[in-house]
Amino acid sequence: MRRILIADDEANMRWVLERTLSKAGYDVETAEDGQLALDQALAERPDLVLVDLKMPKLDGLSVLRKLKEHYPDLMIVMMTAHGSTASAIEAMKAGAHDYLMKPFDIEELLITISKAFEVERLREQVDYLKGEVQSNSWQLVGNSEAMQKVKHLVERVALTPATVLIQGESGTGKELVANAIHTLSPRVERPFIRVNCAALTETLLESELFGHEKGAFTGAHARKTGRFELAEGGTLFLDEIGELSLNVQAKLLRVLQERTFERVGGEKTIKVDVRIIAATNRDLIKETQEGCFREDLYYRLSVFPISIPPLRERQEDIPYLAEHFLKKLRNYGHSKKLGPGVLNQLMAYSWPGNVRELENVIERMVIISSGTVIGADGLAVIKTSSTKEKGPCPFVLPSEGVSLEKIEKSFLHQAMEQTGGNQSQAAKRLGLSRHAFLYRLEKYGIDPHWGI
């Protein structure tokens, strides 16, 4: 529920506005002068302030300017019976969202407030997307029977509101499939919001998903809008869903069942209309049997499962993918093609890193090759990549004076190198959970996307 602060020295006006906005579903507070309004807003940030221009103790423009110093993005609408073009321009320059002349129609007020919140929602989505690094490296390229089946499933489910579970190894293109479903759906004009469930701790992930209220925990200096709210009307893509803690799984189950939740530290129930698409490289059925994943959540997520085959099982797609990546690189200023024998080498390799690894190899081949045709010099890249298939080297006790930390860091680097940067496979080789593996990468300052 949105919280609105009304600041007006006229008691009748406060009463009318409070009654009207409360009936419209807003949480309303009032202040009888400018100083009181400022104090209330600074004590707890409202979502919107409706402030009169002429008030005792502190006028509306002063309230506006002081609030903008603390909350630059706060929506503020000015009201006045003493308006003029000059005061309207001054208020807008100071950061007011809009300006209402008294007496105004109630319908006009409600429309103004509704538009203000819509602007705020769109701004939050833009801010989020600016900070979100989204990869458009691949498309659903390929004519193999396996990929034709995936495309068919995408087209069928896109037109429905069904929850989708995408399964496949790392690097197979699960996010691209999720994006394709959203693009082909009636929700295409609404946001597509991605959350990497493995990249955040349990506390941070809960805050990212559901948002939090001011003071909910140390460092929560203001209310935060969660990604469920940012995705309103659109699609929320939960990548690496198998990494969720049981606590967050329980809360996600409730959202799937009831389409409602509360922000962290909040009591008000928020209702959302969001399509959920989840993805994992884990065997969730096995996870449920081992008690690591809730069985009821699994069945809620897998209403419509889509499995993406690894590249080694659809090698006939490699020529199409290679040409796609070469064409993409031509757009960056390169104009090269594969020489005789190179494509055969590409198709002979098993690609443990899947399509992501193929794209990286193509890019390195383009950079290394001196001519317009990728030949023997480019093949060296494939040979280097193929060494990553080998198992880890036998452990040899280091010479005296080498610290345990250096050994551990070396093992992390080797695991990343031998798996082509595949974090799940690297963690498995070291006998670690993915969370423990990522913790150690962070501990030693190793880029988790190193080698990818």
Protein backbone atom coordinates (compact mmCIF):
# COMPACT_ATOMS: atom_id res chain seq x y z
CA MET A 1 0.00 0.00 0.00
CA ARG A 2 1.43 3.38 -1.06
CA ARG A 3 1.93 5.93 1.70
CA ILE A 4 0.98 9.58 1.03
CA LEU A 5 1.73 12.57 3.27
CA ILE A 6 -0.68 15.53 2.98
CA ALA A 7 0.62 18.91 4.15
CA ASP A 8 -1.99 21.70 4.31
CA ASP A 9 -2.86 24.28 6.96
CA GLU A 10 -6.60 24.09 6.14
CA ALA A 11 -8.25 21.47 8.36
CA ASN A 12 -11.20 20.95 5.99
CA MET A 13 -8.89 20.37 3.03
CA ARG A 14 -6.83 17.85 5.01
CA TRP A 15 -10.01 16.00 6.01
CA VAL A 16 -11.38 15.83 2.46
CA LEU A 17 -8.07 14.71 0.96
CA GLU A 18 -7.40 12.13 3.68
CA ARG A 19 -10.90 10.64 3.29
CA THR A 20 -10.69 10.59 -0.52
CA LEU A 21 -7.22 9.06 -0.75
CA SER A 22 -7.92 6.50 1.99
CA LYS A 23 -10.98 5.33 0.05
CA ALA A 24 -8.76 5.06 -3.03
CA GLY A 25 -6.58 2.56 -1.16
CA TYR A 26 -3.70 4.74 -0.01
CA ASP A 27 -2.15 4.88 3.47
CA VAL A 28 -2.54 8.58 4.38
CA GLU A 29 -0.86 10.81 6.96
CA THR A 30 -1.42 14.55 7.43
CA ALA A 31 0.52 17.59 8.70
CA GLU A 32 -0.87 21.05 9.49
CA ASP A 33 2.26 23.07 8.72
CA GLY A 34 5.44 22.85 6.68
CA GLN A 35 7.82 22.10 9.55
CA LEU A 36 5.67 19.23 10.83
CA ALA A 37 5.42 17.82 7.31
CA LEU A 38 9.20 17.95 6.93
CA ASP A 39 9.77 16.27 10.30
CA GLN A 40 7.30 13.48 9.50
CA ALA A 41 8.76 12.85 6.06
CA LEU A 42 12.33 12.74 7.39
CA ALA A 43 11.31 10.37 10.19
CA GLU A 44 9.79 7.92 7.69
CA ARG A 45 9.98 8.45 3.95
CA PRO A 46 6.52 8.54 2.30
CA ASP A 47 5.94 7.42 -1.26
CA LEU A 48 4.43 10.76 -2.27
CA VAL A 49 3.95 14.18 -0.64
CA LEU A 50 0.99 16.41 -1.44
CA VAL A 51 2.03 19.84 -0.13
CA ASP A 52 0.34 23.25 -0.10
CA LEU A 53 2.41 26.18 -1.33
CA LYS A 54 1.35 28.64 1.41
CA MET A 55 1.77 27.26 4.95
CA PRO A 56 2.93 28.57 8.34
CA LYS A 57 6.42 27.88 9.78
CA LEU A 58 7.72 26.58 6.46
CA ASP A 59 6.22 27.21 3.03
CA GLY A 60 5.67 24.51 0.43
CA LEU A 61 8.67 25.43 -1.74
CA SER A 62 10.99 25.23 1.29
CA VAL A 63 9.54 21.82 2.20
CA LEU A 64 10.02 20.73 -1.41
CA ARG A 65 13.67 21.82 -1.54
CA LYS A 66 14.60 20.29 1.82
CA LEU A 67 12.93 16.98 1.02
CA LYS A 68 14.67 16.82 -2.35
CA GLU A 69 18.02 17.20 -0.55
CA HIS A 70 17.29 14.01 1.41
CA TYR A 71 15.14 12.12 -1.13
CA PRO A 72 16.02 13.22 -4.70
CA ASP A 73 13.56 10.72 -6.22
CA LEU A 74 10.62 11.47 -3.90
CA MET A 75 7.41 12.31 -5.76
CA ILE A 76 6.06 15.71 -4.61
CA VAL A 77 2.89 17.39 -5.91
CA MET A 78 2.31 21.06 -5.09
CA MET A 79 -1.14 22.59 -4.34
CA THR A 80 -2.08 26.25 -4.10
CA ALA A 81 -4.95 28.70 -4.30
CA HIS A 82 -2.44 31.47 -4.86
CA GLY A 83 -0.87 30.03 -7.95
CA SER A 84 0.72 31.78 -10.84
CA THR A 85 2.77 30.76 -13.81
CA ALA A 86 5.90 31.97 -12.00
CA SER A 87 5.29 29.88 -8.89
CA ALA A 88 4.43 26.83 -11.00
CA ILE A 89 7.70 27.15 -12.93
CA GLU A 90 9.64 27.66 -9.71
CA ALA A 91 8.10 24.55 -8.13
CA MET A 92 8.81 22.39 -11.20
CA LYS A 93 12.41 23.64 -11.37
CA ALA A 94 12.82 22.73 -7.70
CA GLY A 95 11.80 19.15 -8.49
CA ALA A 96 8.01 18.97 -8.09
CA HIS A 97 6.41 16.21 -10.13
CA ASP A 98 3.23 18.18 -10.80
CA TYR A 99 1.26 21.25 -9.76
CA LEU A 100 -2.47 21.48 -8.86
CA MET A 101 -4.49 24.69 -8.65
CA LYS A 102 -7.15 24.94 -5.95
CA PRO A 103 -9.99 24.27 -6.25
CA PHE A 104 -9.23 21.11 -8.21
CA ASP A 105 -11.38 18.16 -9.18
CA ILE A 106 -10.89 15.01 -7.08
CA GLU A 107 -10.64 12.93 -10.23
CA GLU A 108 -7.85 15.20 -11.43
CA LEU A 109 -6.02 14.64 -8.14
CA LEU A 110 -6.35 10.85 -8.35
CA ILE A 111 -5.11 10.81 -11.95
CA THR A 112 -2.14 13.02 -11.01
CA ILE A 113 -1.17 10.71 -8.14
CA SER A 114 -1.63 7.59 -10.25
CA LYS A 115 0.60 9.01 -12.99
CA ALA A 116 3.22 9.98 -10.42
CA PHE A 117 3.42 6.41 -9.13
CA GLU A 118 3.57 5.07 -12.67
CA VAL A 119 6.52 7.39 -13.42
CA GLU A 120 8.23 6.20 -10.24
CA ARG A 121 7.68 2.55 -11.14
CA LEU A 122 9.10 3.05 -14.63
CA ARG A 123 12.09 4.93 -13.21
CA GLU A 124 12.81 2.08 -10.80
CA GLN A 125 12.69 -0.40 -13.67
CA VAL A 126 15.07 1.74 -15.75
CA ASP A 127 17.48 2.10 -12.82
CA TYR A 128 17.41 -1.64 -12.27
CA LEU A 129 17.98 -2.47 -15.93
CA LYS A 130 20.87 0.01 -16.16
CA GLY A 131 22.63 -1.89 -13.39
CA GLU A 132 21.73 -5.30 -14.73
CA VAL A 133 24.28 -6.76 -17.11
CA GLN A 134 22.17 -8.70 -19.55
CA SER A 135 23.85 -10.91 -22.12
CA ASN A 136 22.41 -11.09 -25.60
CA SER A 137 25.27 -13.32 -26.74
CA TRP A 138 23.11 -16.10 -28.15
CA GLN A 139 19.81 -16.57 -29.84
CA LEU A 140 17.82 -19.80 -30.17
CA VAL A 141 20.03 -20.85 -33.07
CA GLY A 142 20.05 -24.38 -34.45
CA ASN A 143 18.07 -26.76 -36.62
CA SER A 144 18.69 -30.01 -34.77
CA GLU A 145 15.69 -32.08 -33.79
CA ALA A 146 16.39 -31.29 -30.12
CA MET A 147 16.39 -27.52 -30.70
CA GLN A 148 13.30 -27.68 -32.90
CA LYS A 149 11.54 -29.34 -29.96
CA VAL A 150 12.70 -26.59 -27.59
CA LYS A 151 11.49 -23.87 -29.99
CA HIS A 152 8.12 -25.59 -30.32
CA LEU A 153 7.71 -25.78 -26.52
CA VAL A 154 8.68 -22.11 -26.17
CA GLU A 155 6.09 -21.04 -28.73
CA ARG A 156 3.36 -23.13 -27.07
CA VAL A 157 3.94 -22.05 -23.47
CA ALA A 158 4.65 -18.38 -24.24
CA LEU A 159 0.98 -17.64 -24.89
CA THR A 160 -0.09 -19.09 -21.54
CA PRO A 161 0.49 -17.79 -17.97
CA ALA A 162 2.02 -21.14 -16.91
CA THR A 163 5.06 -21.26 -14.66
CA VAL A 164 8.06 -22.69 -16.53
CA LEU A 165 11.08 -24.64 -15.26
CA ILE A 166 14.06 -24.62 -17.65
CA GLN A 167 16.65 -27.33 -17.03
CA GLY A 168 20.04 -27.72 -18.62
CA GLU A 169 23.78 -27.58 -18.08
CA SER A 170 25.57 -24.26 -17.57
CA GLY A 171 26.12 -22.44 -20.83
CA THR A 172 23.25 -24.03 -22.76
CA GLY A 173 21.21 -20.83 -22.99
CA LYS A 174 18.58 -21.07 -20.28
CA GLU A 175 18.24 -17.29 -19.94
CA LEU A 176 17.78 -16.92 -23.70
CA VAL A 177 14.94 -19.43 -23.60
CA ALA A 178 13.35 -17.51 -20.71
CA ASN A 179 13.71 -14.26 -22.65
CA ALA A 180 12.19 -15.85 -25.73
CA ILE A 181 9.16 -17.00 -23.72
CA HIS A 182 8.68 -13.47 -22.38
CA THR A 183 9.15 -11.88 -25.83
CA LEU A 184 6.51 -14.12 -27.41
CA SER A 185 4.07 -13.68 -24.52
CA PRO A 186 1.30 -11.09 -24.02
CA ARG A 187 3.56 -9.63 -21.28
CA VAL A 188 6.21 -8.49 -23.75
CA GLU A 189 5.48 -4.79 -23.10
CA ARG A 190 6.07 -5.28 -19.38
CA PRO A 191 9.46 -5.86 -17.71
CA PHE A 192 11.62 -8.97 -17.83
CA ILE A 193 13.51 -9.04 -14.52
CA ARG A 194 16.32 -11.51 -13.82
CA VAL A 195 17.55 -12.71 -10.42
CA ASN A 196 20.61 -14.93 -10.00
CA CYS A 197 19.71 -16.94 -6.91
CA ALA A 198 23.29 -18.14 -6.45
CA ALA A 199 24.90 -14.70 -6.45
CA LEU A 200 23.45 -13.42 -3.16
CA THR A 201 23.36 -14.53 0.46
CA GLU A 202 20.02 -15.65 1.89
CA THR A 203 19.38 -12.30 3.62
CA LEU A 204 20.27 -10.21 0.58
CA LEU A 205 18.33 -12.48 -1.77
CA GLU A 206 15.18 -12.17 0.34
CA SER A 207 15.54 -8.39 0.26
CA GLU A 208 16.16 -8.41 -3.51
CA LEU A 209 13.10 -10.55 -4.18
CA PHE A 210 10.58 -9.02 -1.81
CA GLY A 211 12.09 -5.61 -0.94
CA HIS A 212 12.44 -4.27 2.59
CA GLU A 213 11.15 -1.51 4.81
CA LYS A 214 13.30 1.20 6.33
CA GLY A 215 15.05 -0.12 9.44
CA ALA A 216 14.31 -3.78 8.64
CA PHE A 217 17.98 -4.58 9.25
CA THR A 218 21.30 -2.81 9.66
CA GLY A 219 21.94 -0.68 6.59
CA ALA A 220 18.28 -0.51 5.53
CA HIS A 221 18.15 3.29 5.51
CA ALA A 222 15.16 3.53 3.19
CA ARG A 223 12.41 1.38 1.75
CA LYS A 224 13.54 -0.82 -1.15
CA THR A 225 11.31 -2.10 -3.91
CA GLY A 226 11.84 -5.82 -4.54
CA ARG A 227 12.12 -7.45 -7.91
CA PHE A 228 8.69 -9.04 -7.63
CA GLU A 229 7.26 -5.51 -7.59
CA LEU A 230 9.59 -4.35 -10.37
CA ALA A 231 8.35 -7.22 -12.53
CA GLU A 232 4.66 -6.33 -12.00
CA GLY A 233 2.68 -7.37 -15.06
CA GLY A 234 5.77 -8.95 -16.62
CA THR A 235 8.10 -11.88 -16.07
CA LEU A 236 10.46 -12.72 -13.21
CA PHE A 237 13.29 -15.06 -14.20
CA LEU A 238 14.78 -16.93 -11.24
CA ASP A 239 18.09 -18.28 -12.46
CA GLU A 240 19.82 -21.10 -10.53
CA ILE A 241 16.69 -21.77 -8.49
CA GLY A 242 18.31 -24.85 -6.97
CA GLU A 243 20.57 -22.60 -4.87
CA LEU A 244 17.69 -21.19 -2.77
CA SER A 245 17.74 -21.86 0.97
CA LEU A 246 14.78 -23.76 2.43
CA ASN A 247 13.65 -20.56 4.17
CA VAL A 248 13.44 -18.57 0.92
CA GLN A 249 11.90 -21.58 -0.82
CA ALA A 250 9.00 -21.47 1.67
CA LYS A 251 8.40 -17.78 0.98
CA LEU A 252 8.60 -18.28 -2.77
CA LEU A 253 6.06 -21.11 -2.52
CA ARG A 254 3.60 -18.76 -0.87
CA VAL A 255 3.99 -16.20 -3.68
CA LEU A 256 3.37 -18.90 -6.27
CA GLN A 257 0.27 -20.08 -4.41
CA GLU A 258 -1.26 -16.78 -3.32
CA ARG A 259 0.52 -14.13 -5.44
CA THR A 260 1.09 -12.11 -2.26
CA PHE A 261 4.05 -11.35 0.01
CA GLU A 262 5.35 -8.84 2.57
CA ARG A 263 8.52 -6.80 2.35
CA VAL A 264 11.26 -7.74 4.81
CA GLY A 265 10.41 -5.95 8.04
CA GLY A 266 6.94 -5.03 6.76
CA GLU A 267 3.45 -6.06 7.72
CA LYS A 268 1.43 -4.91 4.71
CA THR A 269 0.53 -7.61 2.20
CA ILE A 270 1.43 -6.80 -1.40
CA LYS A 271 -0.34 -8.50 -4.32
CA VAL A 272 1.49 -9.01 -7.60
CA ASP A 273 0.76 -10.23 -11.10
CA VAL A 274 4.03 -11.80 -12.23
CA ARG A 275 4.84 -14.75 -14.47
CA ILE A 276 7.57 -16.96 -12.98
CA ILE A 277 10.22 -18.69 -15.07
CA ALA A 278 12.86 -20.64 -13.14
CA ALA A 279 16.07 -22.28 -14.35
CA THR A 280 18.54 -24.76 -12.89
CA ASN A 281 21.44 -26.99 -13.85
CA ARG A 282 20.67 -29.27 -10.89
CA ASP A 283 18.63 -32.45 -10.70
CA LEU A 284 15.78 -31.07 -8.57
CA ILE A 285 14.06 -34.43 -8.23
CA LYS A 286 17.22 -35.77 -6.60
CA GLU A 287 17.44 -32.60 -4.50
CA THR A 288 13.90 -33.17 -3.20
CA GLN A 289 14.75 -36.77 -2.29
CA GLU A 290 17.77 -35.55 -0.33
CA GLY A 291 15.71 -32.89 1.46
CA CYS A 292 17.57 -29.97 -0.14
CA PHE A 293 14.62 -28.74 -2.18
CA ARG A 294 10.94 -28.61 -1.24
CA GLU A 295 8.87 -31.15 -3.15
CA ASP A 296 5.78 -28.90 -3.14
CA LEU A 297 7.81 -26.01 -4.58
CA TYR A 298 9.26 -28.28 -7.27
CA TYR A 299 5.80 -29.26 -8.48
CA ARG A 300 4.69 -25.61 -8.42
CA LEU A 301 7.69 -24.61 -10.55
CA SER A 302 7.61 -27.50 -13.01
CA VAL A 303 4.11 -26.89 -14.36
CA PHE A 304 5.75 -26.74 -17.79
CA PRO A 305 9.32 -28.13 -17.87
CA ILE A 306 11.71 -27.45 -20.75
CA SER A 307 15.02 -29.33 -21.00
CA ILE A 308 17.82 -27.82 -23.07
CA PRO A 309 20.21 -30.44 -24.43
CA PRO A 310 23.97 -29.88 -24.08
CA LEU A 311 25.87 -28.93 -27.22
CA ARG A 312 27.61 -32.35 -27.42
CA GLU A 313 24.18 -33.91 -28.02
CA ARG A 314 23.30 -31.59 -30.90
CA GLN A 315 26.58 -31.18 -32.76
CA GLU A 316 24.72 -30.58 -36.03
CA ASP A 317 23.91 -27.12 -34.61
CA ILE A 318 27.59 -26.15 -34.33
CA PRO A 319 27.92 -24.86 -37.96
CA TYR A 320 24.86 -22.62 -37.48
CA LEU A 321 26.10 -21.35 -34.11
CA ALA A 322 29.62 -20.73 -35.44
CA GLU A 323 28.26 -18.72 -38.37
CA HIS A 324 25.98 -16.81 -36.01
CA PHE A 325 28.91 -15.80 -33.80
CA LEU A 326 31.10 -14.90 -36.78
CA LYS A 327 28.30 -12.70 -38.13
CA LYS A 328 27.97 -11.03 -34.75
CA LEU A 329 31.73 -10.35 -34.67
CA ARG A 330 31.56 -8.89 -38.20
CA ASN A 331 29.24 -6.30 -36.77
CA TYR A 332 32.10 -5.39 -34.41
CA GLY A 333 34.46 -4.73 -37.32
CA HIS A 334 35.81 -8.23 -38.08
CA SER A 335 35.30 -10.02 -41.40
CA LYS A 336 36.59 -13.58 -41.13
CA LYS A 337 35.39 -17.05 -42.00
CA LEU A 338 36.31 -20.59 -41.00
CA GLY A 339 38.90 -22.32 -43.15
CA PRO A 340 38.86 -25.96 -44.30
CA GLY A 341 39.13 -28.44 -41.46
CA VAL A 342 38.37 -25.93 -38.70
CA LEU A 343 34.65 -26.74 -38.60
CA ASN A 344 35.47 -30.46 -38.34
CA GLN A 345 37.66 -29.69 -35.35
CA LEU A 346 34.84 -27.71 -33.75
CA MET A 347 32.42 -30.58 -34.24
CA ALA A 348 34.89 -33.13 -32.85
CA TYR A 349 35.20 -31.30 -29.53
CA SER A 350 32.76 -32.19 -26.69
CA TRP A 351 32.19 -28.59 -25.42
CA PRO A 352 31.87 -28.99 -21.63
CA GLY A 353 31.10 -25.26 -21.46
CA ASN A 354 28.39 -25.66 -24.11
CA VAL A 355 27.30 -22.75 -26.33
CA ARG A 356 28.97 -20.17 -24.09
CA GLU A 357 32.33 -21.89 -24.55
CA LEU A 358 31.83 -22.14 -28.32
CA GLU A 359 31.18 -18.42 -28.55
CA ASN A 360 34.32 -17.65 -26.54
CA VAL A 361 36.42 -19.95 -28.72
CA ILE A 362 35.11 -18.35 -31.91
CA GLU A 363 35.93 -14.89 -30.58
CA ARG A 364 39.46 -15.94 -29.58
CA MET A 365 40.00 -17.55 -33.00
CA VAL A 366 38.97 -14.32 -34.73
CA ILE A 367 41.39 -12.32 -32.59
CA ILE A 368 44.33 -14.72 -33.00
CA SER A 369 43.97 -15.43 -36.74
CA SER A 370 46.05 -13.07 -38.86
CA GLY A 371 44.22 -13.39 -42.17
CA THR A 372 40.60 -13.26 -43.27
CA VAL A 373 40.37 -17.06 -43.12
CA ILE A 374 40.69 -18.86 -39.78
CA GLY A 375 43.17 -21.67 -40.34
CA ALA A 376 45.96 -23.45 -38.50
CA ASP A 377 46.64 -20.54 -36.14
CA GLY A 378 43.00 -20.62 -35.02
CA LEU A 379 43.11 -24.38 -34.43
CA ALA A 380 45.55 -23.78 -31.59
CA VAL A 381 42.65 -22.27 -29.62
CA ILE A 382 40.64 -25.48 -29.98
CA LYS A 383 43.58 -27.58 -28.85
CA THR A 384 44.02 -25.33 -25.80
CA SER A 385 40.33 -25.59 -24.98
CA SER A 386 40.31 -29.38 -25.35
CA THR A 387 42.82 -29.72 -22.52
CA LYS A 388 40.09 -28.52 -20.18
CA GLU A 389 38.36 -31.91 -20.54
CA LYS A 390 41.11 -33.65 -18.66
CA GLY A 391 40.68 -34.47 -15.00
CA PRO A 392 42.62 -32.69 -12.27
CA CYS A 393 46.32 -33.43 -11.95
CA PRO A 394 47.47 -35.69 -9.09
CA PHE A 395 48.17 -33.74 -5.94
CA VAL A 396 51.85 -33.26 -5.18
CA LEU A 397 52.90 -31.91 -1.79
CA PRO A 398 54.46 -28.47 -2.41
CA SER A 399 57.89 -27.48 -1.28
CA GLU A 400 58.43 -26.10 2.20
CA GLY A 401 57.21 -22.56 2.83
CA VAL A 402 54.13 -22.60 0.57
CA SER A 403 51.07 -21.56 2.56
CA LEU A 404 47.80 -23.47 2.61
CA GLU A 405 46.07 -20.34 1.30
CA LYS A 406 48.26 -20.33 -1.82
CA ILE A 407 47.54 -24.02 -2.41
CA GLU A 408 43.79 -23.45 -2.06
CA LYS A 409 43.90 -20.46 -4.39
CA SER A 410 45.87 -22.52 -6.94
CA PHE A 411 43.28 -25.31 -6.79
CA LEU A 412 40.47 -22.80 -7.38
CA HIS A 413 42.27 -21.45 -10.45
CA GLN A 414 42.90 -24.98 -11.78
CA ALA A 415 39.28 -26.00 -11.29
CA MET A 416 38.05 -22.92 -13.15
CA GLU A 417 40.56 -23.48 -15.94
CA GLN A 418 39.83 -27.18 -16.39
CA THR A 419 36.05 -26.62 -16.56
CA GLY A 420 36.12 -23.61 -18.84
CA GLY A 421 34.88 -21.34 -16.05
CA ASN A 422 31.86 -23.54 -15.28
CA GLN A 423 31.32 -22.80 -11.58
CA SER A 424 29.10 -25.80 -10.85
CA GLN A 425 31.52 -28.28 -12.44
CA ALA A 426 34.51 -26.60 -10.79
CA ALA A 427 32.85 -26.80 -7.37
CA LYS A 428 32.00 -30.46 -7.98
CA ARG A 429 35.61 -31.28 -8.86
CA LEU A 430 36.76 -29.79 -5.57
CA GLY A 431 34.03 -31.52 -3.58
CA LEU A 432 32.43 -28.20 -2.59
CA SER A 433 28.89 -26.88 -2.70
CA ARG A 434 28.38 -24.01 -5.14
CA HIS A 435 27.91 -21.55 -2.26
CA ALA A 436 31.15 -22.70 -0.60
CA PHE A 437 32.97 -22.45 -3.92
CA LEU A 438 31.72 -18.90 -4.59
CA TYR A 439 32.64 -17.92 -1.04
CA ARG A 440 36.23 -19.03 -1.64
CA LEU A 441 36.41 -17.19 -4.98
CA GLU A 442 35.34 -14.01 -3.21
CA LYS A 443 37.74 -14.69 -0.33
CA TYR A 444 40.73 -14.79 -2.68
CA GLY A 445 39.50 -12.07 -5.04
CA ILE A 446 39.05 -14.43 -7.99
CA ASP A 447 36.63 -13.25 -10.67
CA PRO A 448 33.70 -15.75 -10.67
CA HIS A 449 33.37 -15.21 -14.44
CA TRP A 450 37.08 -15.77 -15.00
CA GLY A 451 37.78 -17.70 -18.16
CA ILE A 452 34.21 -17.36 -19.44
